[in-house]
Amino acid sequence: MNMRKGVSLLLALSWILVLTCPIGISAQTDRFSGRTITGTVYFVGGRPAGRSLPFTLIVNRLSTNDEVSQLNAALQSGGQDELMRVLSRVTAGRIQIGSNVGVPANAIIATQEGDRTKLTVLYERNLRFAELRYGTRSENYRFGYAEMYIGRGGNEGMLIPAAQVSLKDGNTWVVEDFGTFPARLMGLQVRGKSRVG
């Protein structure tokens, strides 16, 4: 494989992430309710490339299996518009990037993957005035998306500040990043005491 093909393949893989939608939430993974996850977000590409900011996820509760099913059904029946309508009616916590007050983390989904817990966060991002005023392409990327791996082997993850979400084969979320590369979440620490158990 020559260098040019290798770079093209890498860019194609970074644009679209295919994720199996979590279905089961066990009591073990619910140890995150009432806790806060802090760390650093490092931007790899785009306008803020090379910049790092504080990251905070406040977990009030985990999304239920029923809520996850509703999100899947919304994507299946009405695409992103229906997903946004359903998502905007629920909240599971708060996500903060930098020193601002952040936005509601509408869905926080936990699944167990071996010795680690995967937390998937989907939220309605704030559209900037310029995006709405000038009808930029980023206006179509209305969601924020993050996934974190917590447990043995280190806590890390990634963040997509502007994403599109679609559904494939009924239970697989396809998340497309507006930028070239997702931002990295590093040095994640779980703080506080769980309200569960």
N, C-alpha and C. Protein backbone atom coordinates (compact mmCIF):
# COMPACT_ATOMS: atom_id res chain seq x y z
N MET A 1 0.86 -1.19 0.00
CA MET A 1 0.00 0.00 0.00
C MET A 1 0.89 1.23 0.00
N ASN A 2 0.67 2.13 -0.96
CA ASN A 2 1.51 3.33 -0.98
C ASN A 2 1.03 4.34 0.06
N MET A 3 1.84 5.36 0.30
CA MET A 3 1.57 6.35 1.35
C MET A 3 0.27 7.09 1.11
N ARG A 4 0.00 7.47 -0.14
CA ARG A 4 -1.21 8.24 -0.46
C ARG A 4 -2.48 7.44 -0.13
N LYS A 5 -2.49 6.13 -0.51
CA LYS A 5 -3.66 5.29 -0.21
C LYS A 5 -3.82 5.10 1.29
N GLY A 6 -2.69 4.96 2.00
CA GLY A 6 -2.74 4.79 3.45
C GLY A 6 -3.35 6.00 4.14
N VAL A 7 -2.96 7.20 3.72
CA VAL A 7 -3.51 8.43 4.31
C VAL A 7 -4.99 8.55 3.99
N SER A 8 -5.39 8.23 2.75
CA SER A 8 -6.81 8.30 2.36
C SER A 8 -7.66 7.35 3.20
N LEU A 9 -7.15 6.13 3.44
CA LEU A 9 -7.88 5.16 4.24
C LEU A 9 -8.02 5.65 5.68
N LEU A 10 -6.94 6.21 6.23
CA LEU A 10 -6.98 6.72 7.60
C LEU A 10 -8.00 7.85 7.73
N LEU A 11 -8.04 8.76 6.77
CA LEU A 11 -9.01 9.86 6.82
C LEU A 11 -10.43 9.33 6.69
N ALA A 12 -10.65 8.35 5.83
CA ALA A 12 -12.00 7.78 5.68
C ALA A 12 -12.46 7.14 6.98
N LEU A 13 -11.56 6.42 7.65
CA LEU A 13 -11.93 5.78 8.91
C LEU A 13 -12.21 6.80 10.01
N SER A 14 -11.52 7.93 9.96
CA SER A 14 -11.72 8.93 11.01
C SER A 14 -13.01 9.73 10.81
N TRP A 15 -13.54 9.74 9.61
CA TRP A 15 -14.76 10.50 9.36
C TRP A 15 -16.00 9.81 9.90
N ILE A 16 -16.05 8.50 9.81
CA ILE A 16 -17.26 7.78 10.23
C ILE A 16 -16.89 6.70 11.22
N LEU A 17 -17.53 6.71 12.37
CA LEU A 17 -17.33 5.68 13.37
C LEU A 17 -18.60 4.83 13.43
N VAL A 18 -18.45 3.53 13.33
CA VAL A 18 -19.60 2.64 13.41
C VAL A 18 -19.60 2.03 14.80
N LEU A 19 -20.69 2.22 15.51
CA LEU A 19 -20.76 1.82 16.90
C LEU A 19 -21.99 0.97 17.14
N THR A 20 -21.80 -0.15 17.82
CA THR A 20 -22.94 -0.96 18.18
C THR A 20 -23.65 -0.30 19.35
N CYS A 21 -24.94 -0.07 19.18
CA CYS A 21 -25.69 0.63 20.22
C CYS A 21 -25.85 -0.26 21.44
N PRO A 22 -25.47 0.22 22.62
CA PRO A 22 -25.59 -0.58 23.84
C PRO A 22 -27.04 -0.85 24.19
N ILE A 23 -27.32 -2.07 24.59
CA ILE A 23 -28.69 -2.42 24.94
C ILE A 23 -28.83 -2.75 26.43
N GLY A 24 -27.91 -3.51 27.02
CA GLY A 24 -28.09 -3.94 28.41
C GLY A 24 -27.37 -3.03 29.40
N ILE A 25 -28.06 -2.61 30.44
CA ILE A 25 -27.45 -1.82 31.50
C ILE A 25 -27.56 -2.64 32.79
N SER A 26 -26.41 -3.04 33.31
CA SER A 26 -26.43 -3.89 34.50
C SER A 26 -26.26 -3.04 35.75
N ALA A 27 -26.53 -3.65 36.91
CA ALA A 27 -26.37 -2.96 38.19
C ALA A 27 -24.91 -2.59 38.41
N GLN A 28 -23.99 -3.43 37.88
CA GLN A 28 -22.57 -3.16 38.06
C GLN A 28 -22.16 -1.85 37.39
N THR A 29 -22.68 -1.60 36.17
CA THR A 29 -22.30 -0.38 35.46
C THR A 29 -23.00 0.85 36.03
N ASP A 30 -24.05 0.66 36.84
CA ASP A 30 -24.78 1.80 37.38
C ASP A 30 -24.07 2.43 38.57
N ARG A 31 -22.85 2.02 38.83
CA ARG A 31 -22.06 2.65 39.90
C ARG A 31 -21.66 4.07 39.56
N PHE A 32 -21.97 4.55 38.35
CA PHE A 32 -21.60 5.90 37.93
C PHE A 32 -22.64 6.95 38.30
N SER A 33 -23.86 6.55 38.60
CA SER A 33 -24.90 7.53 38.95
C SER A 33 -24.47 8.33 40.18
N GLY A 34 -24.51 9.65 40.06
CA GLY A 34 -24.13 10.53 41.16
C GLY A 34 -22.66 10.88 41.19
N ARG A 35 -21.90 10.43 40.19
CA ARG A 35 -20.46 10.70 40.18
C ARG A 35 -20.09 11.69 39.07
N THR A 36 -18.86 12.19 39.14
CA THR A 36 -18.34 13.14 38.17
C THR A 36 -17.06 12.58 37.56
N ILE A 37 -16.94 12.70 36.25
CA ILE A 37 -15.74 12.26 35.54
C ILE A 37 -15.03 13.51 35.01
N THR A 38 -13.77 13.66 35.37
CA THR A 38 -13.00 14.83 34.92
C THR A 38 -11.77 14.36 34.14
N GLY A 39 -11.25 15.25 33.33
CA GLY A 39 -10.06 14.93 32.55
C GLY A 39 -9.72 16.09 31.64
N THR A 40 -9.03 15.78 30.56
CA THR A 40 -8.60 16.77 29.59
C THR A 40 -9.04 16.34 28.20
N VAL A 41 -9.57 17.29 27.42
CA VAL A 41 -9.88 17.01 26.02
C VAL A 41 -8.79 17.67 25.18
N TYR A 42 -8.21 16.86 24.28
CA TYR A 42 -7.14 17.35 23.41
C TYR A 42 -7.62 17.28 21.96
N PHE A 43 -7.65 18.42 21.29
CA PHE A 43 -8.16 18.49 19.92
C PHE A 43 -7.04 18.15 18.93
N VAL A 44 -7.28 17.13 18.12
CA VAL A 44 -6.27 16.63 17.18
C VAL A 44 -6.33 17.39 15.86
N GLY A 45 -7.53 17.75 15.40
CA GLY A 45 -7.66 18.41 14.10
C GLY A 45 -8.62 19.58 14.17
N GLY A 46 -8.84 20.21 13.01
CA GLY A 46 -9.77 21.33 12.93
C GLY A 46 -9.17 22.63 13.43
N ARG A 47 -10.02 23.64 13.60
CA ARG A 47 -9.55 24.96 14.05
C ARG A 47 -8.86 24.93 15.40
N PRO A 48 -9.36 24.13 16.39
CA PRO A 48 -8.68 24.14 17.69
C PRO A 48 -7.54 23.12 17.81
N ALA A 49 -7.00 22.63 16.69
CA ALA A 49 -5.97 21.58 16.72
C ALA A 49 -4.81 21.98 17.64
N GLY A 50 -4.39 21.02 18.46
CA GLY A 50 -3.28 21.24 19.38
C GLY A 50 -3.67 21.90 20.69
N ARG A 51 -4.94 22.21 20.83
CA ARG A 51 -5.42 22.88 22.04
C ARG A 51 -5.98 21.85 23.02
N SER A 52 -5.81 22.08 24.30
CA SER A 52 -6.40 21.20 25.31
C SER A 52 -7.23 22.02 26.29
N LEU A 53 -8.33 21.43 26.74
CA LEU A 53 -9.25 22.10 27.66
C LEU A 53 -9.69 21.12 28.74
N PRO A 54 -10.12 21.62 29.90
CA PRO A 54 -10.68 20.74 30.92
C PRO A 54 -11.99 20.11 30.43
N PHE A 55 -12.23 18.88 30.86
CA PHE A 55 -13.44 18.15 30.50
C PHE A 55 -14.11 17.65 31.77
N THR A 56 -15.43 17.80 31.84
CA THR A 56 -16.19 17.31 33.00
C THR A 56 -17.49 16.68 32.52
N LEU A 57 -17.79 15.49 33.02
CA LEU A 57 -19.09 14.85 32.80
C LEU A 57 -19.71 14.59 34.17
N ILE A 58 -20.85 15.23 34.43
CA ILE A 58 -21.59 15.01 35.68
C ILE A 58 -22.68 13.99 35.36
N VAL A 59 -22.63 12.83 36.03
CA VAL A 59 -23.59 11.76 35.77
C VAL A 59 -24.66 11.78 36.85
N ASN A 60 -25.83 12.28 36.52
CA ASN A 60 -26.94 12.24 37.47
C ASN A 60 -27.57 10.85 37.51
N ARG A 61 -27.65 10.23 36.33
CA ARG A 61 -28.21 8.89 36.22
C ARG A 61 -27.80 8.32 34.87
N LEU A 62 -27.94 7.02 34.72
CA LEU A 62 -27.70 6.39 33.42
C LEU A 62 -29.02 6.28 32.67
N SER A 63 -28.95 6.36 31.37
CA SER A 63 -30.14 6.19 30.54
C SER A 63 -30.64 4.76 30.66
N THR A 64 -31.96 4.60 30.66
CA THR A 64 -32.56 3.27 30.81
C THR A 64 -32.60 2.55 29.46
N ASN A 65 -32.82 1.23 29.53
CA ASN A 65 -32.97 0.44 28.31
C ASN A 65 -34.13 0.97 27.47
N ASP A 66 -35.20 1.39 28.13
CA ASP A 66 -36.36 1.92 27.41
C ASP A 66 -36.00 3.20 26.66
N GLU A 67 -35.21 4.07 27.29
CA GLU A 67 -34.79 5.31 26.62
C GLU A 67 -33.90 5.02 25.40
N VAL A 68 -33.00 4.04 25.55
CA VAL A 68 -32.14 3.65 24.42
C VAL A 68 -32.99 3.11 23.27
N SER A 69 -34.00 2.32 23.60
CA SER A 69 -34.91 1.79 22.57
C SER A 69 -35.66 2.91 21.87
N GLN A 70 -36.07 3.92 22.64
CA GLN A 70 -36.76 5.08 22.04
C GLN A 70 -35.86 5.85 21.10
N LEU A 71 -34.57 5.99 21.45
CA LEU A 71 -33.63 6.67 20.57
C LEU A 71 -33.44 5.89 19.27
N ASN A 72 -33.33 4.57 19.38
CA ASN A 72 -33.21 3.73 18.18
C ASN A 72 -34.44 3.85 17.30
N ALA A 73 -35.61 3.80 17.93
CA ALA A 73 -36.87 3.89 17.18
C ALA A 73 -36.99 5.25 16.49
N ALA A 74 -36.55 6.31 17.17
CA ALA A 74 -36.60 7.65 16.60
C ALA A 74 -35.71 7.74 15.36
N LEU A 75 -34.51 7.19 15.46
CA LEU A 75 -33.62 7.20 14.30
C LEU A 75 -34.19 6.40 13.14
N GLN A 76 -34.82 5.27 13.48
CA GLN A 76 -35.37 4.40 12.44
C GLN A 76 -36.55 5.04 11.73
N SER A 77 -37.40 5.73 12.49
CA SER A 77 -38.63 6.27 11.90
C SER A 77 -38.47 7.66 11.28
N GLY A 78 -37.61 8.50 11.88
CA GLY A 78 -37.55 9.88 11.39
C GLY A 78 -36.17 10.46 11.26
N GLY A 79 -35.13 9.64 11.38
CA GLY A 79 -33.78 10.13 11.21
C GLY A 79 -33.36 11.09 12.30
N GLN A 80 -32.46 12.00 11.95
CA GLN A 80 -31.89 12.93 12.92
C GLN A 80 -32.90 13.88 13.54
N ASP A 81 -33.88 14.32 12.74
CA ASP A 81 -34.88 15.24 13.28
C ASP A 81 -35.68 14.59 14.40
N GLU A 82 -36.09 13.35 14.19
CA GLU A 82 -36.85 12.65 15.21
C GLU A 82 -35.97 12.32 16.41
N LEU A 83 -34.71 11.96 16.15
CA LEU A 83 -33.79 11.70 17.25
C LEU A 83 -33.63 12.93 18.13
N MET A 84 -33.49 14.09 17.51
CA MET A 84 -33.34 15.34 18.26
C MET A 84 -34.58 15.62 19.10
N ARG A 85 -35.76 15.37 18.53
CA ARG A 85 -37.01 15.61 19.25
C ARG A 85 -37.09 14.73 20.50
N VAL A 86 -36.75 13.46 20.37
CA VAL A 86 -36.81 12.52 21.51
C VAL A 86 -35.69 12.83 22.51
N LEU A 87 -34.50 13.10 22.00
CA LEU A 87 -33.34 13.35 22.86
C LEU A 87 -33.54 14.60 23.72
N SER A 88 -34.14 15.63 23.15
CA SER A 88 -34.29 16.90 23.87
C SER A 88 -35.26 16.80 25.05
N ARG A 89 -36.01 15.70 25.13
CA ARG A 89 -36.97 15.53 26.24
C ARG A 89 -36.37 14.82 27.45
N VAL A 90 -35.13 14.33 27.33
CA VAL A 90 -34.51 13.61 28.46
C VAL A 90 -33.18 14.27 28.83
N THR A 91 -32.80 14.05 30.05
CA THR A 91 -31.46 14.50 30.50
C THR A 91 -30.94 13.50 31.52
N ALA A 92 -29.64 13.22 31.43
CA ALA A 92 -29.04 12.25 32.34
C ALA A 92 -27.88 12.86 33.12
N GLY A 93 -27.46 14.07 32.74
CA GLY A 93 -26.35 14.71 33.43
C GLY A 93 -25.97 16.01 32.75
N ARG A 94 -24.69 16.34 32.82
CA ARG A 94 -24.19 17.58 32.22
C ARG A 94 -22.78 17.35 31.71
N ILE A 95 -22.47 17.91 30.54
CA ILE A 95 -21.13 17.80 29.97
C ILE A 95 -20.57 19.21 29.80
N GLN A 96 -19.32 19.37 30.24
CA GLN A 96 -18.66 20.68 30.19
C GLN A 96 -17.30 20.54 29.51
N ILE A 97 -17.05 21.42 28.53
CA ILE A 97 -15.76 21.46 27.85
C ILE A 97 -15.22 22.87 28.05
N GLY A 98 -14.07 22.98 28.70
CA GLY A 98 -13.54 24.28 29.04
C GLY A 98 -14.13 24.77 30.36
N SER A 99 -14.19 26.08 30.53
CA SER A 99 -14.64 26.65 31.80
C SER A 99 -16.09 27.11 31.78
N ASN A 100 -16.83 26.79 30.70
CA ASN A 100 -18.23 27.23 30.65
C ASN A 100 -19.14 26.29 31.46
N VAL A 101 -20.42 26.65 31.54
CA VAL A 101 -21.35 25.86 32.36
C VAL A 101 -21.78 24.57 31.67
N GLY A 102 -21.50 24.43 30.39
CA GLY A 102 -21.79 23.20 29.68
C GLY A 102 -23.23 23.10 29.20
N VAL A 103 -23.57 21.90 28.75
CA VAL A 103 -24.91 21.62 28.23
C VAL A 103 -25.40 20.32 28.84
N PRO A 104 -26.73 20.09 28.83
CA PRO A 104 -27.22 18.81 29.35
C PRO A 104 -26.67 17.64 28.55
N ALA A 105 -26.26 16.60 29.26
CA ALA A 105 -25.90 15.32 28.64
C ALA A 105 -27.20 14.54 28.56
N ASN A 106 -27.84 14.57 27.41
CA ASN A 106 -29.19 14.00 27.29
C ASN A 106 -29.23 12.50 27.52
N ALA A 107 -28.26 11.78 26.97
CA ALA A 107 -28.22 10.32 27.16
C ALA A 107 -26.81 9.92 27.61
N ILE A 108 -26.74 9.11 28.67
CA ILE A 108 -25.49 8.52 29.13
C ILE A 108 -25.74 7.02 29.25
N ILE A 109 -25.10 6.25 28.38
CA ILE A 109 -25.37 4.82 28.26
C ILE A 109 -24.12 4.05 28.68
N ALA A 110 -24.28 3.10 29.59
CA ALA A 110 -23.15 2.31 30.09
C ALA A 110 -23.27 0.86 29.63
N THR A 111 -22.16 0.32 29.16
CA THR A 111 -22.08 -1.10 28.82
C THR A 111 -20.77 -1.66 29.34
N GLN A 112 -20.78 -2.91 29.74
CA GLN A 112 -19.58 -3.56 30.25
C GLN A 112 -18.83 -4.21 29.10
N GLU A 113 -17.54 -3.92 29.00
CA GLU A 113 -16.69 -4.53 27.98
C GLU A 113 -15.45 -5.09 28.67
N GLY A 114 -15.54 -6.34 29.08
CA GLY A 114 -14.45 -6.98 29.83
C GLY A 114 -14.29 -6.34 31.19
N ASP A 115 -13.07 -5.88 31.48
CA ASP A 115 -12.77 -5.26 32.78
C ASP A 115 -13.08 -3.77 32.79
N ARG A 116 -13.59 -3.25 31.68
CA ARG A 116 -13.83 -1.81 31.59
C ARG A 116 -15.31 -1.53 31.31
N THR A 117 -15.75 -0.34 31.70
CA THR A 117 -17.10 0.13 31.39
C THR A 117 -16.99 1.18 30.29
N LYS A 118 -17.80 1.02 29.27
CA LYS A 118 -17.86 2.01 28.20
C LYS A 118 -19.05 2.93 28.47
N LEU A 119 -18.79 4.22 28.59
CA LEU A 119 -19.85 5.21 28.74
C LEU A 119 -20.00 5.95 27.42
N THR A 120 -21.20 5.91 26.85
CA THR A 120 -21.51 6.62 25.61
C THR A 120 -22.40 7.80 25.96
N VAL A 121 -22.01 8.99 25.53
CA VAL A 121 -22.75 10.21 25.85
C VAL A 121 -23.22 10.86 24.54
N LEU A 122 -24.51 11.14 24.46
CA LEU A 122 -25.08 11.82 23.29
C LEU A 122 -25.80 13.06 23.80
N TYR A 123 -25.53 14.20 23.18
CA TYR A 123 -26.14 15.44 23.65
C TYR A 123 -26.42 16.38 22.50
N GLU A 124 -27.34 17.31 22.76
CA GLU A 124 -27.69 18.35 21.79
C GLU A 124 -26.68 19.48 21.96
N ARG A 125 -25.90 19.74 20.92
CA ARG A 125 -24.88 20.78 21.05
C ARG A 125 -25.46 22.16 20.78
N ASN A 126 -24.82 23.17 21.32
CA ASN A 126 -25.23 24.55 21.06
C ASN A 126 -24.71 24.97 19.69
N LEU A 127 -25.63 25.37 18.81
CA LEU A 127 -25.23 25.90 17.51
C LEU A 127 -24.85 27.37 17.69
N ARG A 128 -23.72 27.75 17.13
CA ARG A 128 -23.28 29.15 17.22
C ARG A 128 -24.11 30.02 16.29
N PHE A 129 -24.21 31.30 16.63
CA PHE A 129 -25.00 32.24 15.84
C PHE A 129 -24.54 32.27 14.37
N ALA A 130 -23.22 32.26 14.16
CA ALA A 130 -22.69 32.33 12.79
C ALA A 130 -23.12 31.12 11.96
N GLU A 131 -23.23 29.94 12.60
CA GLU A 131 -23.66 28.75 11.88
C GLU A 131 -25.09 28.92 11.37
N LEU A 132 -25.95 29.48 12.21
CA LEU A 132 -27.35 29.68 11.84
C LEU A 132 -27.50 30.83 10.86
N ARG A 133 -26.75 31.90 11.09
CA ARG A 133 -26.86 33.10 10.25
C ARG A 133 -26.43 32.84 8.82
N TYR A 134 -25.32 32.11 8.66
CA TYR A 134 -24.77 31.90 7.33
C TYR A 134 -25.06 30.52 6.75
N GLY A 135 -25.81 29.70 7.48
CA GLY A 135 -26.19 28.38 6.97
C GLY A 135 -24.99 27.51 6.63
N THR A 136 -24.01 27.46 7.52
CA THR A 136 -22.81 26.67 7.26
C THR A 136 -23.14 25.18 7.30
N ARG A 137 -22.25 24.37 6.71
CA ARG A 137 -22.46 22.92 6.65
C ARG A 137 -22.51 22.31 8.05
N SER A 138 -21.80 22.90 9.00
CA SER A 138 -21.77 22.36 10.37
C SER A 138 -23.14 22.42 11.04
N GLU A 139 -24.04 23.24 10.52
CA GLU A 139 -25.40 23.34 11.08
C GLU A 139 -26.12 21.99 11.03
N ASN A 140 -25.73 21.13 10.09
CA ASN A 140 -26.34 19.80 9.96
C ASN A 140 -25.77 18.79 10.95
N TYR A 141 -24.73 19.18 11.67
CA TYR A 141 -24.11 18.30 12.67
C TYR A 141 -24.55 18.79 14.04
N ARG A 142 -25.74 18.35 14.44
CA ARG A 142 -26.44 18.95 15.58
C ARG A 142 -26.18 18.28 16.92
N PHE A 143 -25.43 17.19 16.91
CA PHE A 143 -25.21 16.43 18.14
C PHE A 143 -23.75 16.52 18.58
N GLY A 144 -23.55 16.32 19.86
CA GLY A 144 -22.22 16.08 20.40
C GLY A 144 -22.19 14.63 20.84
N TYR A 145 -21.03 14.00 20.75
CA TYR A 145 -20.93 12.58 21.05
C TYR A 145 -19.60 12.33 21.75
N ALA A 146 -19.63 11.53 22.80
CA ALA A 146 -18.40 11.14 23.49
C ALA A 146 -18.50 9.68 23.91
N GLU A 147 -17.37 9.03 23.94
CA GLU A 147 -17.32 7.70 24.55
C GLU A 147 -16.07 7.59 25.40
N MET A 148 -16.25 6.98 26.57
CA MET A 148 -15.18 6.85 27.55
C MET A 148 -15.07 5.41 27.99
N TYR A 149 -13.85 4.95 28.19
CA TYR A 149 -13.59 3.61 28.73
C TYR A 149 -12.98 3.79 30.11
N ILE A 150 -13.69 3.29 31.12
CA ILE A 150 -13.29 3.46 32.52
C ILE A 150 -13.02 2.08 33.11
N GLY A 151 -11.86 1.93 33.75
CA GLY A 151 -11.56 0.66 34.41
C GLY A 151 -10.11 0.27 34.23
N ARG A 152 -9.85 -1.03 34.34
CA ARG A 152 -8.49 -1.54 34.28
C ARG A 152 -7.84 -1.19 32.93
N GLY A 153 -6.58 -0.77 32.99
CA GLY A 153 -5.86 -0.44 31.76
C GLY A 153 -5.88 1.03 31.43
N GLY A 154 -6.41 1.87 32.32
CA GLY A 154 -6.42 3.32 32.08
C GLY A 154 -7.75 3.82 31.60
N ASN A 155 -8.02 5.05 31.94
CA ASN A 155 -9.28 5.69 31.56
C ASN A 155 -9.02 6.67 30.42
N GLU A 156 -9.71 6.46 29.31
CA GLU A 156 -9.49 7.28 28.13
C GLU A 156 -10.76 7.30 27.30
N GLY A 157 -10.77 8.12 26.25
CA GLY A 157 -11.94 8.16 25.39
C GLY A 157 -11.75 9.13 24.25
N MET A 158 -12.86 9.45 23.61
CA MET A 158 -12.83 10.41 22.50
C MET A 158 -14.11 11.22 22.50
N LEU A 159 -14.02 12.40 21.86
CA LEU A 159 -15.13 13.35 21.82
C LEU A 159 -15.30 13.86 20.40
N ILE A 160 -16.55 13.88 19.94
CA ILE A 160 -16.88 14.49 18.66
C ILE A 160 -17.79 15.68 18.97
N PRO A 161 -17.28 16.92 18.91
CA PRO A 161 -18.08 18.08 19.28
C PRO A 161 -19.24 18.37 18.34
N ALA A 162 -19.14 17.96 17.07
CA ALA A 162 -20.20 18.18 16.08
C ALA A 162 -20.37 16.90 15.27
N ALA A 163 -21.51 16.23 15.44
CA ALA A 163 -21.70 14.91 14.83
C ALA A 163 -23.07 14.78 14.18
N GLN A 164 -23.14 13.89 13.20
CA GLN A 164 -24.40 13.40 12.66
C GLN A 164 -24.54 11.96 13.11
N VAL A 165 -25.77 11.53 13.37
CA VAL A 165 -26.01 10.16 13.82
C VAL A 165 -27.05 9.51 12.92
N SER A 166 -26.76 8.31 12.47
CA SER A 166 -27.74 7.53 11.69
C SER A 166 -27.74 6.10 12.21
N LEU A 167 -28.68 5.31 11.75
CA LEU A 167 -28.85 3.94 12.23
C LEU A 167 -28.64 2.96 11.10
N LYS A 168 -27.89 1.90 11.38
CA LYS A 168 -27.62 0.86 10.39
C LYS A 168 -28.03 -0.49 10.98
N ASP A 169 -28.74 -1.28 10.22
CA ASP A 169 -29.15 -2.64 10.62
C ASP A 169 -29.96 -2.67 11.91
N GLY A 170 -30.66 -1.59 12.22
CA GLY A 170 -31.59 -1.59 13.35
C GLY A 170 -31.00 -1.36 14.72
N ASN A 171 -29.69 -1.61 14.93
CA ASN A 171 -29.13 -1.43 16.28
C ASN A 171 -27.69 -0.93 16.28
N THR A 172 -27.22 -0.42 15.16
CA THR A 172 -25.85 0.10 15.09
C THR A 172 -25.89 1.58 14.77
N TRP A 173 -25.33 2.37 15.67
CA TRP A 173 -25.26 3.81 15.42
C TRP A 173 -24.06 4.11 14.55
N VAL A 174 -24.26 4.89 13.51
CA VAL A 174 -23.17 5.38 12.68
C VAL A 174 -23.01 6.86 13.00
N VAL A 175 -21.85 7.23 13.56
CA VAL A 175 -21.59 8.60 13.99
C VAL A 175 -20.57 9.21 13.04
N GLU A 176 -20.97 10.29 12.38
CA GLU A 176 -20.09 10.97 11.44
C GLU A 176 -19.59 12.27 12.06
N ASP A 177 -18.30 12.47 12.03
CA ASP A 177 -17.65 13.64 12.62
C ASP A 177 -17.58 14.76 11.58
N PHE A 178 -17.94 15.98 11.98
CA PHE A 178 -17.80 17.13 11.08
C PHE A 178 -16.33 17.43 10.83
N GLY A 179 -15.49 17.22 11.83
CA GLY A 179 -14.06 17.46 11.68
C GLY A 179 -13.36 16.25 11.08
N THR A 180 -12.03 16.33 11.02
CA THR A 180 -11.25 15.24 10.44
C THR A 180 -10.99 14.14 11.44
N PHE A 181 -10.66 14.52 12.68
CA PHE A 181 -10.35 13.54 13.71
C PHE A 181 -11.13 13.87 14.98
N PRO A 182 -11.63 12.85 15.68
CA PRO A 182 -12.24 13.11 16.99
C PRO A 182 -11.19 13.62 17.97
N ALA A 183 -11.63 14.41 18.93
CA ALA A 183 -10.73 14.87 20.00
C ALA A 183 -10.48 13.72 20.96
N ARG A 184 -9.35 13.73 21.65
CA ARG A 184 -9.02 12.69 22.61
C ARG A 184 -9.39 13.12 24.01
N LEU A 185 -9.92 12.19 24.80
CA LEU A 185 -10.17 12.41 26.22
C LEU A 185 -9.09 11.67 26.99
N MET A 186 -8.34 12.39 27.82
CA MET A 186 -7.19 11.80 28.50
C MET A 186 -7.25 12.07 30.00
N GLY A 187 -6.59 11.20 30.75
CA GLY A 187 -6.47 11.39 32.20
C GLY A 187 -7.80 11.42 32.92
N LEU A 188 -8.74 10.61 32.47
CA LEU A 188 -10.08 10.63 33.07
C LEU A 188 -10.04 10.06 34.49
N GLN A 189 -10.71 10.76 35.40
CA GLN A 189 -10.81 10.32 36.79
C GLN A 189 -12.26 10.37 37.23
N VAL A 190 -12.68 9.32 37.92
CA VAL A 190 -14.04 9.24 38.45
C VAL A 190 -14.02 9.75 39.88
N ARG A 191 -14.85 10.76 40.17
CA ARG A 191 -14.86 11.38 41.49
C ARG A 191 -16.24 11.27 42.13
N GLY A 192 -16.27 11.41 43.44
CA GLY A 192 -17.54 11.39 44.16
C GLY A 192 -17.98 9.99 44.51
N LYS A 193 -19.11 9.92 45.16
CA LYS A 193 -19.64 8.64 45.64
C LYS A 193 -20.90 8.30 44.87
N SER A 194 -21.00 7.05 44.45
CA SER A 194 -22.18 6.60 43.71
C SER A 194 -23.40 6.59 44.61
N ARG A 195 -24.55 6.95 44.01
CA ARG A 195 -25.81 6.89 44.77
C ARG A 195 -26.43 5.49 44.68
N VAL A 196 -25.82 4.61 43.89
CA VAL A 196 -26.37 3.27 43.68
C VAL A 196 -25.51 2.28 44.42
N GLY A 197 -26.15 1.33 45.09
CA GLY A 197 -25.42 0.25 45.77
C GLY A 197 -24.88 0.72 47.07
